[in-house]
């Protein structure tokens, strides 16, 4: 994936903070460190905003294949159980086969 062109910007940081960053990554690693940190914080802030949004992220109409399933039934299907077969029955069947 090709990254977007870099753009220079001027920011002011406390001298003590710059010294601590340099201890960790060196003066030549400062920009990469700050880019990584800012990228993670942007993702975190967007996630927080999405979670706080009263509009639901998951909409039933977008997922008709699972919208009408009861949650336990959906989990069984995801785990590969037959719709009518409870998970316990499948485990017991496997245990019987191992004993033979």
PDB file of N, CA and C in Angstrom:
ATOM      1  N   UNK A   1       0.836  -1.170   0.000  1.00  0.00           N
ATOM      2  CA  UNK A   1       0.000   0.000   0.000  1.00  0.00           C
ATOM      3  C   UNK A   1       0.884   1.237   0.000  1.00  0.00           C
ATOM      4  N   UNK A   2       0.629   2.139  -0.903  1.00  0.00           N
ATOM      5  CA  UNK A   2       1.419   3.355  -1.020  1.00  0.00           C
ATOM      6  C   UNK A   2       0.889   4.399  -0.036  1.00  0.00           C
ATOM      7  N   UNK A   3       1.795   5.000   0.706  1.00  0.00           N
ATOM      8  CA  UNK A   3       1.356   5.991   1.686  1.00  0.00           C
ATOM      9  C   UNK A   3       1.189   7.356   1.027  1.00  0.00           C
ATOM     10  N   UNK A   4       0.384   8.169   1.643  1.00  0.00           N
ATOM     11  CA  UNK A   4       0.143   9.523   1.144  1.00  0.00           C
ATOM     12  C   UNK A   4       1.424  10.344   1.286  1.00  0.00           C
ATOM     13  N   UNK A   5       1.592  11.354   0.453  1.00  0.00           N
ATOM     14  CA  UNK A   5       2.797  12.169   0.568  1.00  0.00           C
ATOM     15  C   UNK A   5       2.851  12.849   1.933  1.00  0.00           C
ATOM     16  N   UNK A   6       4.065  12.975   2.445  1.00  0.00           N
ATOM     17  CA  UNK A   6       4.258  13.604   3.754  1.00  0.00           C
ATOM     18  C   UNK A   6       4.059  15.105   3.642  1.00  0.00           C
ATOM     19  N   UNK A   7       3.620  15.673   4.713  1.00  0.00           N
ATOM     20  CA  UNK A   7       3.436  17.124   4.771  1.00  0.00           C
ATOM     21  C   UNK A   7       4.098  17.626   6.041  1.00  0.00           C
ATOM     22  N   UNK A   8       4.973  18.573   5.905  1.00  0.00           N
ATOM     23  CA  UNK A   8       5.654  19.127   7.076  1.00  0.00           C
ATOM     24  C   UNK A   8       4.700  19.998   7.868  1.00  0.00           C
ATOM     25  N   UNK A   9       4.847  19.918   9.171  1.00  0.00           N
ATOM     26  CA  UNK A   9       4.056  20.761  10.061  1.00  0.00           C
ATOM     27  C   UNK A   9       4.923  21.149  11.254  1.00  0.00           C
ATOM     28  N   UNK A  10       4.635  22.265  11.804  1.00  0.00           N
ATOM     29  CA  UNK A  10       5.419  22.742  12.944  1.00  0.00           C
ATOM     30  C   UNK A  10       4.596  22.545  14.209  1.00  0.00           C
ATOM     31  N   UNK A  11       5.149  21.787  15.143  1.00  0.00           N
ATOM     32  CA  UNK A  11       4.494  21.624  16.434  1.00  0.00           C
ATOM     33  C   UNK A  11       5.499  21.930  17.532  1.00  0.00           C
ATOM     34  N   UNK A  12       4.995  22.354  18.661  1.00  0.00           N
ATOM     35  CA  UNK A  12       5.854  22.649  19.809  1.00  0.00           C
ATOM     36  C   UNK A  12       5.614  21.602  20.878  1.00  0.00           C
ATOM     37  N   UNK A  13       6.694  21.029  21.362  1.00  0.00           N
ATOM     38  CA  UNK A  13       6.632  20.039  22.429  1.00  0.00           C
ATOM     39  C   UNK A  13       7.535  20.487  23.570  1.00  0.00           C
ATOM     40  N   UNK A  14       7.181  20.162  24.791  1.00  0.00           N
ATOM     41  CA  UNK A  14       8.069  20.481  25.910  1.00  0.00           C
ATOM     42  C   UNK A  14       9.424  19.777  25.730  1.00  0.00           C
ATOM     43  N   UNK A  15      10.491  20.467  26.068  1.00  0.00           N
ATOM     44  CA  UNK A  15      11.846  19.922  25.895  1.00  0.00           C
ATOM     45  C   UNK A  15      12.012  18.594  26.608  1.00  0.00           C
ATOM     46  N   UNK A  16      11.431  18.461  27.790  1.00  0.00           N
ATOM     47  CA  UNK A  16      11.553  17.211  28.552  1.00  0.00           C
ATOM     48  C   UNK A  16      10.892  16.045  27.808  1.00  0.00           C
ATOM     49  N   UNK A  17       9.751  16.305  27.160  1.00  0.00           N
ATOM     50  CA  UNK A  17       9.066  15.266  26.397  1.00  0.00           C
ATOM     51  C   UNK A  17       9.900  14.854  25.184  1.00  0.00           C
ATOM     52  N   UNK A  18      10.491  15.821  24.502  1.00  0.00           N
ATOM     53  CA  UNK A  18      11.346  15.512  23.347  1.00  0.00           C
ATOM     54  C   UNK A  18      12.524  14.650  23.799  1.00  0.00           C
ATOM     55  N   UNK A  19      13.109  14.978  24.940  1.00  0.00           N
ATOM     56  CA  UNK A  19      14.229  14.193  25.465  1.00  0.00           C
ATOM     57  C   UNK A  19      13.790  12.759  25.761  1.00  0.00           C
ATOM     58  N   UNK A  20      12.597  12.587  26.311  1.00  0.00           N
ATOM     59  CA  UNK A  20      12.102  11.240  26.619  1.00  0.00           C
ATOM     60  C   UNK A  20      11.846  10.444  25.341  1.00  0.00           C
ATOM     61  N   UNK A  21      11.290  11.100  24.329  1.00  0.00           N
ATOM     62  CA  UNK A  21      11.068  10.434  23.039  1.00  0.00           C
ATOM     63  C   UNK A  21      12.402  10.025  22.432  1.00  0.00           C
ATOM     64  N   UNK A  22      13.375  10.930  22.469  1.00  0.00           N
ATOM     65  CA  UNK A  22      14.695  10.635  21.913  1.00  0.00           C
ATOM     66  C   UNK A  22      15.364   9.470  22.646  1.00  0.00           C
ATOM     67  N   UNK A  23      15.139   9.354  23.954  1.00  0.00           N
ATOM     68  CA  UNK A  23      15.679   8.222  24.711  1.00  0.00           C
ATOM     69  C   UNK A  23      15.127   6.906  24.179  1.00  0.00           C
ATOM     70  N   UNK A  24      13.848   6.929  23.807  1.00  0.00           N
ATOM     71  CA  UNK A  24      13.202   5.705  23.327  1.00  0.00           C
ATOM     72  C   UNK A  24      13.568   5.356  21.899  1.00  0.00           C
ATOM     73  N   UNK A  25      13.519   6.346  21.001  1.00  0.00           N
ATOM     74  CA  UNK A  25      13.645   6.051  19.573  1.00  0.00           C
ATOM     75  C   UNK A  25      14.782   6.796  18.889  1.00  0.00           C
ATOM     76  N   UNK A  26      15.443   7.681  19.581  1.00  0.00           N
ATOM     77  CA  UNK A  26      16.515   8.469  18.972  1.00  0.00           C
ATOM     78  C   UNK A  26      15.939   9.650  18.204  1.00  0.00           C
ATOM     79  N   UNK A  27      16.754  10.656  17.994  1.00  0.00           N
ATOM     80  CA  UNK A  27      16.318  11.873  17.313  1.00  0.00           C
ATOM     81  C   UNK A  27      15.856  11.576  15.885  1.00  0.00           C
ATOM     82  N   UNK A  28      16.478  10.567  15.236  1.00  0.00           N
ATOM     83  CA  UNK A  28      16.108  10.241  13.857  1.00  0.00           C
ATOM     84  C   UNK A  28      14.810   9.450  13.776  1.00  0.00           C
ATOM     85  N   UNK A  29      14.336   8.906  14.915  1.00  0.00           N
ATOM     86  CA  UNK A  29      13.096   8.143  14.918  1.00  0.00           C
ATOM     87  C   UNK A  29      11.915   8.931  15.447  1.00  0.00           C
ATOM     88  N   UNK A  30      12.154  10.185  15.743  1.00  0.00           N
ATOM     89  CA  UNK A  30      11.128  11.035  16.355  1.00  0.00           C
ATOM     90  C   UNK A  30       9.880  11.161  15.484  1.00  0.00           C
ATOM     91  N   UNK A  31      10.041  11.478  14.212  1.00  0.00           N
ATOM     92  CA  UNK A  31       8.881  11.669  13.328  1.00  0.00           C
ATOM     93  C   UNK A  31       8.058  10.394  13.203  1.00  0.00           C
ATOM     94  N   UNK A  32       8.717   9.271  12.976  1.00  0.00           N
ATOM     95  CA  UNK A  32       8.000   8.000  12.829  1.00  0.00           C
ATOM     96  C   UNK A  32       7.252   7.668  14.118  1.00  0.00           C
ATOM     97  N   UNK A  33       7.885   7.925  15.241  1.00  0.00           N
ATOM     98  CA  UNK A  33       7.254   7.676  16.533  1.00  0.00           C
ATOM     99  C   UNK A  33       5.986   8.515  16.684  1.00  0.00           C
ATOM    100  N   UNK A  34       6.071   9.792  16.366  1.00  0.00           N
ATOM    101  CA  UNK A  34       4.924  10.685  16.509  1.00  0.00           C
ATOM    102  C   UNK A  34       3.822  10.363  15.495  1.00  0.00           C
ATOM    103  N   UNK A  35       4.196   9.950  14.281  1.00  0.00           N
ATOM    104  CA  UNK A  35       3.203   9.543  13.288  1.00  0.00           C
ATOM    105  C   UNK A  35       2.448   8.313  13.785  1.00  0.00           C
ATOM    106  N   UNK A  36       3.184   7.331  14.300  1.00  0.00           N
ATOM    107  CA  UNK A  36       2.560   6.115  14.817  1.00  0.00           C
ATOM    108  C   UNK A  36       1.621   6.444  15.977  1.00  0.00           C
ATOM    109  N   UNK A  37       2.084   7.263  16.878  1.00  0.00           N
ATOM    110  CA  UNK A  37       1.284   7.650  18.041  1.00  0.00           C
ATOM    111  C   UNK A  37       0.022   8.399  17.615  1.00  0.00           C
ATOM    112  N   UNK A  38       0.157   9.344  16.713  1.00  0.00           N
ATOM    113  CA  UNK A  38      -0.997  10.123  16.248  1.00  0.00           C
ATOM    114  C   UNK A  38      -1.982   9.232  15.501  1.00  0.00           C
ATOM    115  N   UNK A  39      -1.492   8.305  14.686  1.00  0.00           N
ATOM    116  CA  UNK A  39      -2.376   7.392  13.948  1.00  0.00           C
ATOM    117  C   UNK A  39      -3.196   6.536  14.899  1.00  0.00           C
ATOM    118  N   UNK A  40      -2.551   5.995  15.923  1.00  0.00           N
ATOM    119  CA  UNK A  40      -3.278   5.183  16.905  1.00  0.00           C
ATOM    120  C   UNK A  40      -4.318   6.015  17.645  1.00  0.00           C
ATOM    121  N   UNK A  41      -3.975   7.245  17.979  1.00  0.00           N
ATOM    122  CA  UNK A  41      -4.913   8.098  18.707  1.00  0.00           C
ATOM    123  C   UNK A  41      -6.103   8.487  17.830  1.00  0.00           C
ATOM    124  N   UNK A  42      -5.872   8.732  16.555  1.00  0.00           N
ATOM    125  CA  UNK A  42      -6.978   9.047  15.639  1.00  0.00           C
ATOM    126  C   UNK A  42      -7.924   7.852  15.564  1.00  0.00           C
ATOM    127  N   UNK A  43      -7.380   6.634  15.403  1.00  0.00           N
ATOM    128  CA  UNK A  43      -8.220   5.429  15.368  1.00  0.00           C
ATOM    129  C   UNK A  43      -9.004   5.278  16.669  1.00  0.00           C
ATOM    130  N   UNK A  44      -8.345   5.517  17.804  1.00  0.00           N
ATOM    131  CA  UNK A  44      -8.993   5.388  19.108  1.00  0.00           C
ATOM    132  C   UNK A  44     -10.134   6.391  19.263  1.00  0.00           C
ATOM    133  N   UNK A  45      -9.878   7.637  18.865  1.00  0.00           N
ATOM    134  CA  UNK A  45     -10.910   8.671  18.977  1.00  0.00           C
ATOM    135  C   UNK A  45     -12.101   8.370  18.074  1.00  0.00           C
ATOM    136  N   UNK A  46     -11.833   7.840  16.869  1.00  0.00           N
ATOM    137  CA  UNK A  46     -12.932   7.477  15.958  1.00  0.00           C
ATOM    138  C   UNK A  46     -13.747   6.316  16.514  1.00  0.00           C
ATOM    139  N   UNK A  47     -13.077   5.345  17.122  1.00  0.00           N
ATOM    140  CA  UNK A  47     -13.778   4.225  17.734  1.00  0.00           C
ATOM    141  C   UNK A  47     -14.666   4.710  18.875  1.00  0.00           C
ATOM    142  N   UNK A  48     -14.131   5.578  19.716  1.00  0.00           N
ATOM    143  CA  UNK A  48     -14.915   6.135  20.821  1.00  0.00           C
ATOM    144  C   UNK A  48     -16.144   6.858  20.274  1.00  0.00           C
ATOM    145  N   UNK A  49     -15.956   7.665  19.241  1.00  0.00           N
ATOM    146  CA  UNK A  49     -17.079   8.400  18.650  1.00  0.00           C
ATOM    147  C   UNK A  49     -18.131   7.433  18.097  1.00  0.00           C
ATOM    148  N   UNK A  50     -17.693   6.362  17.451  1.00  0.00           N
ATOM    149  CA  UNK A  50     -18.634   5.383  16.905  1.00  0.00           C
ATOM    150  C   UNK A  50     -19.400   4.679  18.018  1.00  0.00           C
ATOM    151  N   UNK A  51     -18.708   4.360  19.105  1.00  0.00           N
ATOM    152  CA  UNK A  51     -19.357   3.669  20.220  1.00  0.00           C
ATOM    153  C   UNK A  51     -20.330   4.575  20.970  1.00  0.00           C
ATOM    154  N   UNK A  52     -20.055   5.863  20.984  1.00  0.00           N
ATOM    155  CA  UNK A  52     -20.928   6.810  21.674  1.00  0.00           C
ATOM    156  C   UNK A  52     -22.094   7.282  20.810  1.00  0.00           C
ATOM    157  N   UNK A  53     -22.027   7.023  19.523  1.00  0.00           N
ATOM    158  CA  UNK A  53     -23.090   7.431  18.603  1.00  0.00           C
ATOM    159  C   UNK A  53     -24.350   6.629  18.901  1.00  0.00           C
ATOM    160  N   UNK A  54     -25.485   7.289  19.104  1.00  0.00           N
ATOM    161  CA  UNK A  54     -26.710   6.550  19.414  1.00  0.00           C
ATOM    162  C   UNK A  54     -27.232   5.721  18.232  1.00  0.00           C
ATOM    163  N   UNK A  55     -26.814   6.040  17.031  1.00  0.00           N
ATOM    164  CA  UNK A  55     -27.212   5.277  15.846  1.00  0.00           C
ATOM    165  C   UNK A  55     -26.501   3.925  15.884  1.00  0.00           C
ATOM    166  N   UNK A  56     -27.240   2.807  15.814  1.00  0.00           N
ATOM    167  CA  UNK A  56     -26.585   1.495  15.883  1.00  0.00           C
ATOM    168  C   UNK A  56     -25.652   1.250  14.695  1.00  0.00           C
ATOM    169  N   UNK A  57     -24.548   0.619  14.968  1.00  0.00           N
ATOM    170  CA  UNK A  57     -23.578   0.284  13.917  1.00  0.00           C
ATOM    171  C   UNK A  57     -24.100  -0.900  13.097  1.00  0.00           C
ATOM    172  N   UNK A  58     -24.650  -1.887  13.795  1.00  0.00           N
ATOM    173  CA  UNK A  58     -25.186  -3.090  13.160  1.00  0.00           C
ATOM    174  C   UNK A  58     -26.668  -2.863  12.899  1.00  0.00           C
ATOM    175  N   UNK A  59     -27.069  -2.986  11.661  1.00  0.00           N
ATOM    176  CA  UNK A  59     -28.478  -2.842  11.298  1.00  0.00           C
ATOM    177  C   UNK A  59     -28.963  -4.165  10.734  1.00  0.00           C
ATOM    178  N   UNK A  60     -30.090  -4.642  11.245  1.00  0.00           N
ATOM    179  CA  UNK A  60     -30.625  -5.932  10.809  1.00  0.00           C
ATOM    180  C   UNK A  60     -30.830  -5.999   9.303  1.00  0.00           C
ATOM    181  N   UNK A  61     -31.274  -4.893   8.708  1.00  0.00           N
ATOM    182  CA  UNK A  61     -31.535  -4.922   7.256  1.00  0.00           C
ATOM    183  C   UNK A  61     -30.259  -5.113   6.434  1.00  0.00           C
ATOM    184  N   UNK A  62     -29.108  -4.818   7.015  1.00  0.00           N
ATOM    185  CA  UNK A  62     -27.838  -5.025   6.315  1.00  0.00           C
ATOM    186  C   UNK A  62     -27.365  -6.478   6.406  1.00  0.00           C
ATOM    187  N   UNK A  63     -27.985  -7.259   7.292  1.00  0.00           N
ATOM    188  CA  UNK A  63     -27.555  -8.645   7.530  1.00  0.00           C
ATOM    189  C   UNK A  63     -28.772  -9.561   7.609  1.00  0.00           C
ATOM    190  N   UNK A  64     -29.511  -9.703   6.513  1.00  0.00           N
ATOM    191  CA  UNK A  64     -30.738 -10.508   6.558  1.00  0.00           C
ATOM    192  C   UNK A  64     -30.480 -11.978   6.873  1.00  0.00           C
ATOM    193  N   UNK A  65     -29.267 -12.464   6.596  1.00  0.00           N
ATOM    194  CA  UNK A  65     -28.952 -13.864   6.843  1.00  0.00           C
ATOM    195  C   UNK A  65     -28.918 -14.212   8.321  1.00  0.00           C
ATOM    196  N   UNK A  66     -28.668 -13.253   9.197  1.00  0.00           N
ATOM    197  CA  UNK A  66     -28.597 -13.532  10.634  1.00  0.00           C
ATOM    198  C   UNK A  66     -29.576 -12.699  11.449  1.00  0.00           C
ATOM    199  N   UNK A  67     -30.275 -11.782  10.819  1.00  0.00           N
ATOM    200  CA  UNK A  67     -31.136 -10.857  11.556  1.00  0.00           C
ATOM    201  C   UNK A  67     -32.235 -11.566  12.335  1.00  0.00           C
ATOM    202  N   UNK A  68     -32.736 -12.672  11.801  1.00  0.00           N
ATOM    203  CA  UNK A  68     -33.852 -13.334  12.467  1.00  0.00           C
ATOM    204  C   UNK A  68     -33.420 -14.510  13.334  1.00  0.00           C
ATOM    205  N   UNK A  69     -32.149 -14.790  13.386  1.00  0.00           N
ATOM    206  CA  UNK A  69     -31.666 -15.884  14.226  1.00  0.00           C
ATOM    207  C   UNK A  69     -31.611 -15.449  15.682  1.00  0.00           C
ATOM    208  N   UNK A  70     -31.891 -16.373  16.552  1.00  0.00           N
ATOM    209  CA  UNK A  70     -31.651 -16.136  17.971  1.00  0.00           C
ATOM    210  C   UNK A  70     -30.143 -16.210  18.155  1.00  0.00           C
ATOM    211  N   UNK A  71     -29.591 -15.428  19.067  1.00  0.00           N
ATOM    212  CA  UNK A  71     -28.131 -15.357  19.202  1.00  0.00           C
ATOM    213  C   UNK A  71     -27.501 -16.730  19.431  1.00  0.00           C
ATOM    214  N   UNK A  72     -28.112 -17.585  20.225  1.00  0.00           N
ATOM    215  CA  UNK A  72     -27.543 -18.917  20.475  1.00  0.00           C
ATOM    216  C   UNK A  72     -27.491 -19.733  19.184  1.00  0.00           C
ATOM    217  N   UNK A  73     -28.517 -19.593  18.360  1.00  0.00           N
ATOM    218  CA  UNK A  73     -28.538 -20.307  17.078  1.00  0.00           C
ATOM    219  C   UNK A  73     -27.436 -19.795  16.163  1.00  0.00           C
ATOM    220  N   UNK A  74     -27.235 -18.491  16.139  1.00  0.00           N
ATOM    221  CA  UNK A  74     -26.178 -17.902  15.316  1.00  0.00           C
ATOM    222  C   UNK A  74     -24.812 -18.428  15.747  1.00  0.00           C
ATOM    223  N   UNK A  75     -24.574 -18.512  17.053  1.00  0.00           N
ATOM    224  CA  UNK A  75     -23.290 -19.028  17.573  1.00  0.00           C
ATOM    225  C   UNK A  75     -23.114 -20.478  17.151  1.00  0.00           C
ATOM    226  N   UNK A  76     -24.165 -21.278  17.254  1.00  0.00           N
ATOM    227  CA  UNK A  76     -24.065 -22.682  16.840  1.00  0.00           C
ATOM    228  C   UNK A  76     -23.665 -22.794  15.371  1.00  0.00           C
ATOM    229  N   UNK A  77     -24.286 -21.989  14.527  1.00  0.00           N
ATOM    230  CA  UNK A  77     -23.949 -22.030  13.096  1.00  0.00           C
ATOM    231  C   UNK A  77     -22.502 -21.605  12.865  1.00  0.00           C
ATOM    232  N   UNK A  78     -22.070 -20.569  13.560  1.00  0.00           N
ATOM    233  CA  UNK A  78     -20.693 -20.104  13.401  1.00  0.00           C
ATOM    234  C   UNK A  78     -19.693 -21.176  13.830  1.00  0.00           C
ATOM    235  N   UNK A  79     -20.067 -21.962  14.802  1.00  0.00           N
ATOM    236  CA  UNK A  79     -19.186 -23.024  15.297  1.00  0.00           C
ATOM    237  C   UNK A  79     -19.303 -24.308  14.482  1.00  0.00           C
ATOM    238  N   UNK A  80     -20.221 -24.311  13.512  1.00  0.00           N
ATOM    239  CA  UNK A  80     -20.345 -25.467  12.638  1.00  0.00           C
ATOM    240  C   UNK A  80     -21.315 -26.526  13.122  1.00  0.00           C
ATOM    241  N   UNK A  81     -22.148 -26.223  14.108  1.00  0.00           N
ATOM    242  CA  UNK A  81     -23.141 -27.182  14.587  1.00  0.00           C
ATOM    243  C   UNK A  81     -24.346 -27.164  13.653  1.00  0.00           C
ATOM    244  N   UNK A  82     -24.986 -28.308  13.546  1.00  0.00           N
ATOM    245  CA  UNK A  82     -26.238 -28.371  12.794  1.00  0.00           C
ATOM    246  C   UNK A  82     -27.265 -27.529  13.544  1.00  0.00           C
ATOM    247  N   UNK A  83     -28.180 -26.860  12.828  1.00  0.00           N
ATOM    248  CA  UNK A  83     -29.147 -25.990  13.492  1.00  0.00           C
ATOM    249  C   UNK A  83     -29.931 -26.658  14.612  1.00  0.00           C
ATOM    250  N   UNK A  84     -30.287 -27.926  14.454  1.00  0.00           N
ATOM    251  CA  UNK A  84     -31.092 -28.590  15.477  1.00  0.00           C
ATOM    252  C   UNK A  84     -30.240 -29.297  16.528  1.00  0.00           C
ATOM    253  N   UNK A  85     -28.925 -29.354  16.320  1.00  0.00           N
ATOM    254  CA  UNK A  85     -28.046 -30.105  17.212  1.00  0.00           C
ATOM    255  C   UNK A  85     -27.435 -29.173  18.254  1.00  0.00           C
ATOM    256  N   UNK A  86     -27.761 -29.376  19.520  1.00  0.00           N
ATOM    257  CA  UNK A  86     -27.135 -28.535  20.541  1.00  0.00           C
ATOM    258  C   UNK A  86     -25.646 -28.854  20.647  1.00  0.00           C
ATOM    259  N   UNK A  87     -24.828 -27.894  21.030  1.00  0.00           N
ATOM    260  CA  UNK A  87     -23.379 -28.114  21.093  1.00  0.00           C
ATOM    261  C   UNK A  87     -23.000 -29.295  21.973  1.00  0.00           C
ATOM    262  N   UNK A  88     -23.710 -29.525  23.061  1.00  0.00           N
ATOM    263  CA  UNK A  88     -23.388 -30.610  23.982  1.00  0.00           C
ATOM    264  C   UNK A  88     -23.456 -31.954  23.269  1.00  0.00           C
ATOM    265  N   UNK A  89     -24.472 -32.150  22.431  1.00  0.00           N
ATOM    266  CA  UNK A  89     -24.622 -33.421  21.722  1.00  0.00           C
ATOM    267  C   UNK A  89     -23.431 -33.675  20.811  1.00  0.00           C
ATOM    268  N   UNK A  90     -22.941 -32.654  20.171  1.00  0.00           N
ATOM    269  CA  UNK A  90     -21.791 -32.811  19.265  1.00  0.00           C
ATOM    270  C   UNK A  90     -20.533 -33.177  20.045  1.00  0.00           C
ATOM    271  N   UNK A  91     -20.343 -32.551  21.202  1.00  0.00           N
ATOM    272  CA  UNK A  91     -19.174 -32.853  22.043  1.00  0.00           C
ATOM    273  C   UNK A  91     -19.241 -34.294  22.514  1.00  0.00           C
ATOM    274  N   UNK A  92     -20.410 -34.748  22.964  1.00  0.00           N
ATOM    275  CA  UNK A  92     -20.564 -36.121  23.440  1.00  0.00           C
ATOM    276  C   UNK A  92     -20.296 -37.112  22.314  1.00  0.00           C
ATOM    277  N   UNK A  93     -20.742 -36.803  21.103  1.00  0.00           N
ATOM    278  CA  UNK A  93     -20.489 -37.670  19.961  1.00  0.00           C
ATOM    279  C   UNK A  93     -18.997 -37.796  19.706  1.00  0.00           C
ATOM    280  N   UNK A  94     -18.257 -36.677  19.770  1.00  0.00           N
ATOM    281  CA  UNK A  94     -16.812 -36.711  19.560  1.00  0.00           C
ATOM    282  C   UNK A  94     -16.120 -37.539  20.634  1.00  0.00           C
ATOM    283  N   UNK A  95     -16.588 -37.396  21.881  1.00  0.00           N
ATOM    284  CA  UNK A  95     -15.974 -38.155  22.979  1.00  0.00           C
ATOM    285  C   UNK A  95     -16.186 -39.657  22.793  1.00  0.00           C
ATOM    286  N   UNK A  96     -17.380 -40.056  22.331  1.00  0.00           N
ATOM    287  CA  UNK A  96     -17.657 -41.462  22.092  1.00  0.00           C
ATOM    288  C   UNK A  96     -16.744 -42.017  20.995  1.00  0.00           C
ATOM    289  N   UNK A  97     -16.523 -41.233  19.946  1.00  0.00           N
ATOM    290  CA  UNK A  97     -15.665 -41.681  18.846  1.00  0.00           C
ATOM    291  C   UNK A  97     -14.220 -41.857  19.313  1.00  0.00           C
ATOM    292  N   UNK A  98     -13.763 -40.991  20.191  1.00  0.00           N
ATOM    293  CA  UNK A  98     -12.378 -41.092  20.683  1.00  0.00           C
ATOM    294  C   UNK A  98     -12.175 -42.343  21.530  1.00  0.00           C
ATOM    295  N   UNK A  99     -13.210 -42.746  22.257  1.00  0.00           N
ATOM    296  CA  UNK A  99     -13.110 -43.908  23.154  1.00  0.00           C
ATOM    297  C   UNK A  99     -13.011 -45.207  22.374  1.00  0.00           C
ATOM    298  N   UNK A 100     -13.532 -45.252  21.159  1.00  0.00           N
ATOM    299  CA  UNK A 100     -13.541 -46.489  20.366  1.00  0.00           C
ATOM    300  C   UNK A 100     -12.189 -46.853  19.848  1.00  0.00           C
TER     301      UNK A 100
END
